[in-house]
C-alpha atoms as a PDB file:
ATOM      1  CA  MET A   1     136.761   1.399 -50.508  1.00  0.00           C
ATOM      2  CA  ASN A   2     137.757   4.103 -53.006  1.00  0.00           C
ATOM      3  CA  ARG A   3     135.944   7.392 -53.634  1.00  0.00           C
ATOM      4  CA  ALA A   4     134.426   6.305 -56.970  1.00  0.00           C
ATOM      5  CA  THR A   5     132.881   3.240 -55.329  1.00  0.00           C
ATOM      6  CA  CYS A   6     131.433   5.411 -52.559  1.00  0.00           C
ATOM      7  CA  ARG A   7     129.859   7.750 -55.122  1.00  0.00           C
ATOM      8  CA  LEU A   8     128.354   4.813 -56.988  1.00  0.00           C
ATOM      9  CA  MET A   9     126.851   3.387 -53.787  1.00  0.00           C
ATOM     10  CA  VAL A  10     125.406   6.775 -52.815  1.00  0.00           C
ATOM     11  CA  PHE A  11     123.916   7.182 -56.303  1.00  0.00           C
ATOM     12  CA  LEU A  12     122.369   3.723 -56.218  1.00  0.00           C
ATOM     13  CA  GLY A  13     120.978   4.385 -52.742  1.00  0.00           C
ATOM     14  CA  VAL A  14     119.337   7.624 -53.890  1.00  0.00           C
ATOM     15  CA  LEU A  15     117.937   5.896 -56.974  1.00  0.00           C
ATOM     16  CA  MET A  16     116.465   3.047 -54.925  1.00  0.00           C
ATOM     17  CA  ALA A  17     114.932   5.510 -52.467  1.00  0.00           C
ATOM     18  CA  ALA A  18     113.334   7.481 -55.310  1.00  0.00           C
ATOM     19  CA  CYS A  19     111.871   4.319 -56.816  1.00  0.00           C
ATOM     20  CA  ALA A  20     110.305   3.416 -53.491  1.00  0.00           C
ATOM     21  CA  THR A  21     108.476   6.670 -52.866  1.00  0.00           C
ATOM     22  CA  GLY A  22     105.755   6.464 -55.476  1.00  0.00           C
ATOM     23  CA  LEU A  23     106.857   9.740 -57.066  1.00  0.00           C
ATOM     24  CA  PRO A  24     105.530  10.380 -60.598  1.00  0.00           C
ATOM     25  CA  ALA A  25     107.857   9.641 -63.505  1.00  0.00           C
ATOM     26  CA  GLN A  26     107.667  13.228 -64.714  1.00  0.00           C
ATOM     27  CA  ALA A  27     110.580  12.830 -67.118  1.00  0.00           C
ATOM     28  CA  ASN A  28     108.518  10.412 -69.222  1.00  0.00           C
ATOM     29  CA  GLU A  29     104.989  11.785 -69.325  1.00  0.00           C
ATOM     30  CA  PRO A  30     102.839  14.530 -67.847  1.00  0.00           C
ATOM     31  CA  ILE A  31     100.030  14.251 -65.343  1.00  0.00           C
ATOM     32  CA  THR A  32      96.749  14.310 -67.268  1.00  0.00           C
ATOM     33  CA  LEU A  33      94.133  16.623 -65.792  1.00  0.00           C
ATOM     34  CA  THR A  34      90.577  16.570 -67.108  1.00  0.00           C
ATOM     35  CA  VAL A  35      88.078  19.059 -65.723  1.00  0.00           C
ATOM     36  CA  ASP A  36      84.447  18.335 -66.525  1.00  0.00           C
ATOM     37  CA  ALA A  37      82.843  21.766 -66.259  1.00  0.00           C
ATOM     38  CA  SER A  38      79.557  20.722 -67.843  1.00  0.00           C
ATOM     39  CA  GLY A  39      78.045  21.105 -64.368  1.00  0.00           C
ATOM     40  CA  ALA A  40      79.352  24.658 -63.926  1.00  0.00           C
ATOM     41  CA  PRO A  41      75.808  26.146 -64.131  1.00  0.00           C
ATOM     42  CA  MET A  42      75.086  24.072 -61.011  1.00  0.00           C
ATOM     43  CA  LYS A  43      78.407  25.210 -59.456  1.00  0.00           C
ATOM     44  CA  ILE A  44      80.004  21.747 -59.635  1.00  0.00           C
ATOM     45  CA  LEU A  45      83.281  20.915 -61.378  1.00  0.00           C
ATOM     46  CA  HIS A  46      84.486  17.326 -61.608  1.00  0.00           C
ATOM     47  CA  SER A  47      88.252  16.812 -61.718  1.00  0.00           C
ATOM     48  CA  ASN A  48      90.065  13.665 -62.796  1.00  0.00           C
ATOM     49  CA  MET A  49      93.839  13.194 -62.775  1.00  0.00           C
ATOM     50  CA  VAL A  50      95.997  10.331 -63.976  1.00  0.00           C
ATOM     51  CA  LEU A  51      99.490  10.333 -62.469  1.00  0.00           C
ATOM     52  CA  PRO A  52     102.388   8.154 -63.648  1.00  0.00           C
ATOM     53  CA  VAL A  53     103.652   6.530 -60.439  1.00  0.00           C
ATOM     54  CA  THR A  54     105.855   3.820 -58.999  1.00  0.00           C
ATOM     55  CA  PRO A  55     104.821   1.604 -56.057  1.00  0.00           C
ATOM     56  CA  GLY A  56     105.332   2.984 -52.564  1.00  0.00           C
ATOM     57  CA  PRO A  57     104.253   5.867 -50.308  1.00  0.00           C
ATOM     58  CA  LEU A  58     103.065   8.970 -52.143  1.00  0.00           C
ATOM     59  CA  THR A  59     102.202  12.383 -50.725  1.00  0.00           C
ATOM     60  CA  LEU A  60     100.007  14.801 -52.651  1.00  0.00           C
ATOM     61  CA  TYR A  61      99.200  18.428 -51.911  1.00  0.00           C
ATOM     62  CA  TYR A  62      96.195  20.592 -52.674  1.00  0.00           C
ATOM     63  CA  PRO A  63      97.554  24.083 -53.523  1.00  0.00           C
ATOM     64  CA  LYS A  64      97.702  26.114 -50.350  1.00  0.00           C
ATOM     65  CA  TRP A  65      99.633  29.198 -51.440  1.00  0.00           C
ATOM     66  CA  VAL A  66      98.158  30.776 -54.573  1.00  0.00           C
ATOM     67  CA  PRO A  67      99.839  33.540 -56.646  1.00  0.00           C
ATOM     68  CA  GLY A  68      98.491  36.976 -55.817  1.00  0.00           C
ATOM     69  CA  LEU A  69      97.485  36.101 -52.266  1.00  0.00           C
ATOM     70  CA  HIS A  70      99.398  36.669 -49.039  1.00  0.00           C
ATOM     71  CA  GLU A  71      97.999  33.845 -46.954  1.00  0.00           C
ATOM     72  CA  PRO A  72      97.452  30.070 -47.275  1.00  0.00           C
ATOM     73  CA  ALA A  73      94.022  30.579 -48.853  1.00  0.00           C
ATOM     74  CA  GLY A  74      93.698  27.612 -51.215  1.00  0.00           C
ATOM     75  CA  PRO A  75      89.957  26.697 -51.187  1.00  0.00           C
ATOM     76  CA  ILE A  76      90.355  23.216 -49.675  1.00  0.00           C
ATOM     77  CA  GLY A  77      86.940  23.524 -48.009  1.00  0.00           C
ATOM     78  CA  ASN A  78      85.291  23.385 -51.452  1.00  0.00           C
ATOM     79  CA  VAL A  79      86.760  19.944 -52.285  1.00  0.00           C
ATOM     80  CA  ALA A  80      84.413  16.967 -51.956  1.00  0.00           C
ATOM     81  CA  GLY A  81      84.357  13.269 -52.820  1.00  0.00           C
ATOM     82  CA  LEU A  82      88.102  12.682 -53.097  1.00  0.00           C
ATOM     83  CA  LYS A  83      88.914   9.199 -54.438  1.00  0.00           C
ATOM     84  CA  PHE A  84      92.080   7.322 -55.371  1.00  0.00           C
ATOM     85  CA  SER A  85      92.066   4.216 -57.548  1.00  0.00           C
ATOM     86  CA  ALA A  86      94.188   2.108 -59.886  1.00  0.00           C
ATOM     87  CA  ASN A  87      93.286  -0.661 -62.326  1.00  0.00           C
ATOM     88  CA  GLY A  88      89.644  -0.208 -61.384  1.00  0.00           C
ATOM     89  CA  LYS A  89      90.214  -0.766 -57.653  1.00  0.00           C
ATOM     90  CA  ALA A  90      89.839   1.812 -54.891  1.00  0.00           C
ATOM     91  CA  ILE A  91      92.981   2.689 -52.924  1.00  0.00           C
ATOM     92  CA  PRO A  92      92.681   3.928 -49.315  1.00  0.00           C
ATOM     93  CA  TRP A  93      94.117   7.331 -48.445  1.00  0.00           C
ATOM     94  CA  GLU A  94      94.700   9.418 -45.355  1.00  0.00           C
ATOM     95  CA  ARG A  95      94.632  13.121 -44.706  1.00  0.00           C
ATOM     96  CA  ASP A  96      97.674  14.452 -42.902  1.00  0.00           C
ATOM     97  CA  LEU A  97      96.957  14.954 -39.203  1.00  0.00           C
ATOM     98  CA  SER A  98      98.657  18.353 -39.098  1.00  0.00           C
ATOM     99  CA  ASP A  99      97.841  19.817 -42.532  1.00  0.00           C
ATOM    100  CA  VAL A 100      94.416  19.567 -44.220  1.00  0.00           C
ATOM    101  CA  PHE A 101      96.025  20.334 -47.608  1.00  0.00           C
ATOM    102  CA  THR A 102      98.140  17.160 -47.536  1.00  0.00           C
ATOM    103  CA  PHE A 103      97.101  13.617 -48.489  1.00  0.00           C
ATOM    104  CA  HIS A 104      98.935  10.302 -48.183  1.00  0.00           C
ATOM    105  CA  VAL A 105      98.443   7.140 -50.211  1.00  0.00           C
ATOM    106  CA  VAL A 106     100.450   3.957 -50.693  1.00  0.00           C
ATOM    107  CA  VAL A 107     100.680   2.965 -54.355  1.00  0.00           C
ATOM    108  CA  PRO A 108     100.268  -0.840 -54.599  1.00  0.00           C
ATOM    109  CA  ALA A 109     102.781  -3.081 -56.318  1.00  0.00           C
ATOM    110  CA  GLY A 110     102.292  -3.350 -60.058  1.00  0.00           C
ATOM    111  CA  VAL A 111     100.555   0.032 -60.380  1.00  0.00           C
ATOM    112  CA  ALA A 112     101.955   2.486 -62.934  1.00  0.00           C
ATOM    113  CA  ARG A 113      98.988   4.894 -63.148  1.00  0.00           C
ATOM    114  CA  LEU A 114      97.100   6.409 -60.235  1.00  0.00           C
ATOM    115  CA  ASP A 115      93.619   7.837 -60.806  1.00  0.00           C
ATOM    116  CA  VAL A 116      92.559  10.736 -58.607  1.00  0.00           C
ATOM    117  CA  SER A 117      89.107  12.297 -58.755  1.00  0.00           C
ATOM    118  CA  PHE A 118      87.139  14.829 -56.747  1.00  0.00           C
ATOM    119  CA  ASP A 119      84.412  17.445 -57.090  1.00  0.00           C
ATOM    120  CA  TYR A 120      85.030  21.141 -56.650  1.00  0.00           C
ATOM    121  CA  LEU A 121      82.003  23.069 -55.354  1.00  0.00           C
ATOM    122  CA  GLU A 122      82.048  26.636 -56.615  1.00  0.00           C
ATOM    123  CA  PRO A 123      81.402  29.343 -53.996  1.00  0.00           C
ATOM    124  CA  SER A 124      77.989  30.995 -54.004  1.00  0.00           C
ATOM    125  CA  SER A 125      79.591  34.359 -54.793  1.00  0.00           C
ATOM    126  CA  PHE A 126      82.875  35.406 -56.417  1.00  0.00           C
ATOM    127  CA  GLY A 127      85.583  33.454 -54.627  1.00  0.00           C
ATOM    128  CA  GLY A 128      88.529  35.600 -55.673  1.00  0.00           C
ATOM    129  CA  PRO A 129      91.730  34.495 -57.428  1.00  0.00           C
ATOM    130  CA  ALA A 130      92.016  31.314 -55.361  1.00  0.00           C
ATOM    131  CA  ALA A 131      88.455  30.014 -55.535  1.00  0.00           C
ATOM    132  CA  GLY A 132      87.042  31.252 -58.849  1.00  0.00           C
ATOM    133  CA  SER A 133      83.353  31.601 -59.560  1.00  0.00           C
ATOM    134  CA  ALA A 134      80.496  30.212 -61.641  1.00  0.00           C
ATOM    135  CA  THR A 135      76.942  31.142 -62.581  1.00  0.00           C
ATOM    136  CA  ASP A 136      74.445  29.468 -64.875  1.00  0.00           C
ATOM    137  CA  LYS A 137      75.993  31.442 -67.767  1.00  0.00           C
ATOM    138  CA  LEU A 138      79.735  31.673 -67.055  1.00  0.00           C
ATOM    139  CA  LEU A 139      82.768  30.173 -65.345  1.00  0.00           C
ATOM    140  CA  ASP A 140      85.913  31.737 -63.895  1.00  0.00           C
ATOM    141  CA  LEU A 141      88.338  28.832 -63.407  1.00  0.00           C
ATOM    142  CA  THR A 142      91.648  28.997 -61.602  1.00  0.00           C
ATOM    143  CA  TRP A 143      93.390  25.657 -62.100  1.00  0.00           C
ATOM    144  CA  ASN A 144      94.593  25.457 -58.493  1.00  0.00           C
ATOM    145  CA  GLN A 145      90.942  24.728 -57.622  1.00  0.00           C
ATOM    146  CA  VAL A 146      90.910  21.414 -59.447  1.00  0.00           C
ATOM    147  CA  LEU A 147      94.244  19.638 -58.981  1.00  0.00           C
ATOM    148  CA  LEU A 148      96.601  17.926 -56.572  1.00  0.00           C
ATOM    149  CA  TYR A 149     100.356  17.828 -57.050  1.00  0.00           C
ATOM    150  CA  PRO A 150     103.032  15.420 -55.787  1.00  0.00           C
ATOM    151  CA  ALA A 151     105.487  16.224 -53.033  1.00  0.00           C
ATOM    152  CA  GLY A 152     109.209  16.007 -53.646  1.00  0.00           C
ATOM    153  CA  THR A 153     109.411  17.737 -57.055  1.00  0.00           C
ATOM    154  CA  PRO A 154     109.779  21.500 -57.694  1.00  0.00           C
ATOM    155  CA  SER A 155     106.529  22.922 -59.067  1.00  0.00           C
ATOM    156  CA  SER A 156     108.339  24.235 -62.141  1.00  0.00           C
ATOM    157  CA  ARG A 157     109.228  20.648 -63.075  1.00  0.00           C
ATOM    158  CA  ILE A 158     105.771  19.124 -62.556  1.00  0.00           C
ATOM    159  CA  VAL A 159     104.066  18.947 -65.955  1.00  0.00           C
ATOM    160  CA  TYR A 160     100.342  18.644 -66.639  1.00  0.00           C
ATOM    161  CA  GLN A 161      98.334  17.985 -69.787  1.00  0.00           C
ATOM    162  CA  PRO A 162      95.114  19.882 -68.984  1.00  0.00           C
ATOM    163  CA  SER A 163      91.773  19.611 -70.741  1.00  0.00           C
ATOM    164  CA  ILE A 164      88.300  20.914 -70.029  1.00  0.00           C
ATOM    165  CA  VAL A 165      84.777  19.881 -70.995  1.00  0.00           C
ATOM    166  CA  LEU A 166      82.515  22.942 -71.273  1.00  0.00           C
ATOM    167  CA  PRO A 167      78.721  23.225 -71.296  1.00  0.00           C
ATOM    168  CA  PRO A 168      77.372  23.044 -74.864  1.00  0.00           C
ATOM    169  CA  GLY A 169      77.740  26.295 -76.784  1.00  0.00           C
ATOM    170  CA  TRP A 170      80.069  27.965 -74.305  1.00  0.00           C
ATOM    171  CA  LYS A 171      83.183  29.761 -75.561  1.00  0.00           C
ATOM    172  CA  PHE A 172      86.399  30.219 -73.591  1.00  0.00           C
ATOM    173  CA  ALA A 173      89.565  32.276 -73.267  1.00  0.00           C
ATOM    174  CA  THR A 174      92.895  31.514 -71.611  1.00  0.00           C
ATOM    175  CA  ALA A 175      96.604  32.090 -72.130  1.00  0.00           C
ATOM    176  CA  LEU A 176      97.176  28.343 -72.432  1.00  0.00           C
ATOM    177  CA  PRO A 177      97.984  27.170 -75.976  1.00  0.00           C
ATOM    178  CA  VAL A 178      95.349  24.822 -77.403  1.00  0.00           C
ATOM    179  CA  GLU A 179      96.483  21.442 -78.689  1.00  0.00           C
ATOM    180  CA  ASN A 180      93.128  20.373 -80.083  1.00  0.00           C
ATOM    181  CA  GLN A 181      89.398  20.923 -79.690  1.00  0.00           C
ATOM    182  CA  SER A 182      86.571  18.518 -80.391  1.00  0.00           C
ATOM    183  CA  GLY A 183      83.080  19.805 -79.733  1.00  0.00           C
ATOM    184  CA  ASN A 184      82.922  21.164 -76.203  1.00  0.00           C
ATOM    185  CA  ARG A 185      86.144  19.410 -75.107  1.00  0.00           C
ATOM    186  CA  VAL A 186      89.377  21.416 -75.286  1.00  0.00           C
ATOM    187  CA  THR A 187      92.834  19.928 -74.705  1.00  0.00           C
ATOM    188  CA  PHE A 188      95.796  22.201 -74.039  1.00  0.00           C
ATOM    189  CA  ARG A 189      99.475  21.568 -74.587  1.00  0.00           C
ATOM    190  CA  PRO A 190     101.544  20.197 -71.681  1.00  0.00           C
ATOM    191  CA  VAL A 191     102.519  22.942 -69.266  1.00  0.00           C
ATOM    192  CA  SER A 192     104.329  23.284 -65.953  1.00  0.00           C
ATOM    193  CA  LEU A 193     102.335  23.571 -62.739  1.00  0.00           C
ATOM    194  CA  ASN A 194     103.612  27.125 -62.291  1.00  0.00           C
ATOM    195  CA  ARG A 195     102.377  28.184 -65.715  1.00  0.00           C
ATOM    196  CA  LEU A 196      99.081  26.328 -65.344  1.00  0.00           C
ATOM    197  CA  VAL A 197      98.125  27.983 -62.063  1.00  0.00           C
ATOM    198  CA  ASP A 198      99.139  31.346 -63.537  1.00  0.00           C
ATOM    199  CA  SER A 199      96.835  30.862 -66.573  1.00  0.00           C
ATOM    200  CA  PRO A 200      93.188  31.115 -65.475  1.00  0.00           C
ATOM    201  CA  LEU A 201      90.366  30.284 -67.866  1.00  0.00           C
ATOM    202  CA  ILE A 202      87.097  32.076 -68.407  1.00  0.00           C
ATOM    203  CA  ALA A 203      84.177  30.576 -70.312  1.00  0.00           C
ATOM    204  CA  GLY A 204      80.561  31.362 -70.864  1.00  0.00           C
ATOM    205  CA  GLU A 205      77.479  31.361 -73.017  1.00  0.00           C
ATOM    206  CA  TYR A 206      78.016  35.068 -73.731  1.00  0.00           C
ATOM    207  CA  TYR A 207      81.579  35.814 -74.845  1.00  0.00           C
ATOM    208  CA  ARG A 208      83.285  38.601 -76.744  1.00  0.00           C
ATOM    209  CA  ALA A 209      86.896  39.468 -77.576  1.00  0.00           C
ATOM    210  CA  TYR A 210      88.004  43.064 -78.103  1.00  0.00           C
ATOM    211  CA  ASP A 211      91.141  43.690 -80.159  1.00  0.00           C
ATOM    212  CA  VAL A 212      93.233  46.310 -78.348  1.00  0.00           C
ATOM    213  CA  THR A 213      96.460  45.864 -80.315  1.00  0.00           C
ATOM    214  CA  PRO A 214      98.212  49.266 -80.607  1.00  0.00           C
ATOM    215  CA  PRO A 215      98.880  50.471 -84.165  1.00  0.00           C
ATOM    216  CA  GLY A 216     102.110  49.006 -85.476  1.00  0.00           C
ATOM    217  CA  GLU A 217     102.400  46.492 -82.631  1.00  0.00           C
ATOM    218  CA  PRO A 218     103.367  43.054 -84.054  1.00  0.00           C
ATOM    219  CA  ILE A 219     102.061  41.142 -81.013  1.00  0.00           C
ATOM    220  CA  HIS A 220      98.293  40.715 -80.827  1.00  0.00           C
ATOM    221  CA  HIS A 221      96.524  42.063 -77.723  1.00  0.00           C
ATOM    222  CA  GLU A 222      92.910  41.470 -76.785  1.00  0.00           C
ATOM    223  CA  ILE A 223      90.489  41.711 -73.897  1.00  0.00           C
ATOM    224  CA  ASP A 224      88.272  38.650 -73.442  1.00  0.00           C
ATOM    225  CA  LEU A 225      84.945  39.024 -71.662  1.00  0.00           C
ATOM    226  CA  VAL A 226      82.242  36.641 -70.477  1.00  0.00           C
ATOM    227  CA  ALA A 227      79.001  37.812 -68.942  1.00  0.00           C
ATOM    228  CA  ASP A 228      75.596  36.706 -67.732  1.00  0.00           C
ATOM    229  CA  SER A 229      73.880  38.468 -70.633  1.00  0.00           C
ATOM    230  CA  ARG A 230      74.670  39.698 -74.130  1.00  0.00           C
ATOM    231  CA  ALA A 231      73.994  43.285 -73.092  1.00  0.00           C
ATOM    232  CA  ALA A 232      76.605  43.066 -70.334  1.00  0.00           C
ATOM    233  CA  LEU A 233      79.311  42.482 -72.960  1.00  0.00           C
ATOM    234  CA  ALA A 234      78.788  45.840 -74.608  1.00  0.00           C
ATOM    235  CA  ILE A 235      81.559  48.399 -74.154  1.00  0.00           C
ATOM    236  CA  SER A 236      80.910  51.964 -75.211  1.00  0.00           C
ATOM    237  CA  PRO A 237      83.113  53.396 -77.991  1.00  0.00           C
ATOM    238  CA  ALA A 238      84.443  55.947 -75.494  1.00  0.00           C
ATOM    239  CA  VAL A 239      85.801  53.166 -73.282  1.00  0.00           C
ATOM    240  CA  GLN A 240      87.169  51.220 -76.238  1.00  0.00           C
END
């Protein structure tokens, strides 16, 4: 057997193994992530993901290590009601016996899209950069709260198409570029997992943006604020 034939067999073996693992077809389309935050005043966020998959075993992680923290502090304890389904049918799943952040599911034959849904229960007080926060007037969302991601692919190559449904009348701010907005639903452009987790979103009934662009600076700078009252948004001229 010559060297070229060996390379071809190795390549085909790797390709067949990849097709059997249930890994998302990230090269073709992103993972859609829809966060229904209409229940934020009650401290409940509902997350729904649709992953492009191939049949076979699939491992998914809830973010454990979050930028800005020095410990595995992902708020897994706030996740409730996790469900997997495809074509309208529930799919059983298992939690890893040695890691509570890891979930295993076997994608059935003939399934190309896997639906994943769960509720995220906001902490009763400010949860920090990993857990976020919500009151009846505002929301501090860090996207790591509301997603799972597949094993076997570098996070910089996992792409999401995120969107959020806000309570009526709420305004928002984030570094993510908006693709379109219809009423209280906002859809952002596809973005890598790294960029998504590094782009928190704030929203609230009381919102104000302060332009702090230095004179002559071509790039716009602003400070975005949300608060529990209109008065809390006021910044004295001395501070401005």
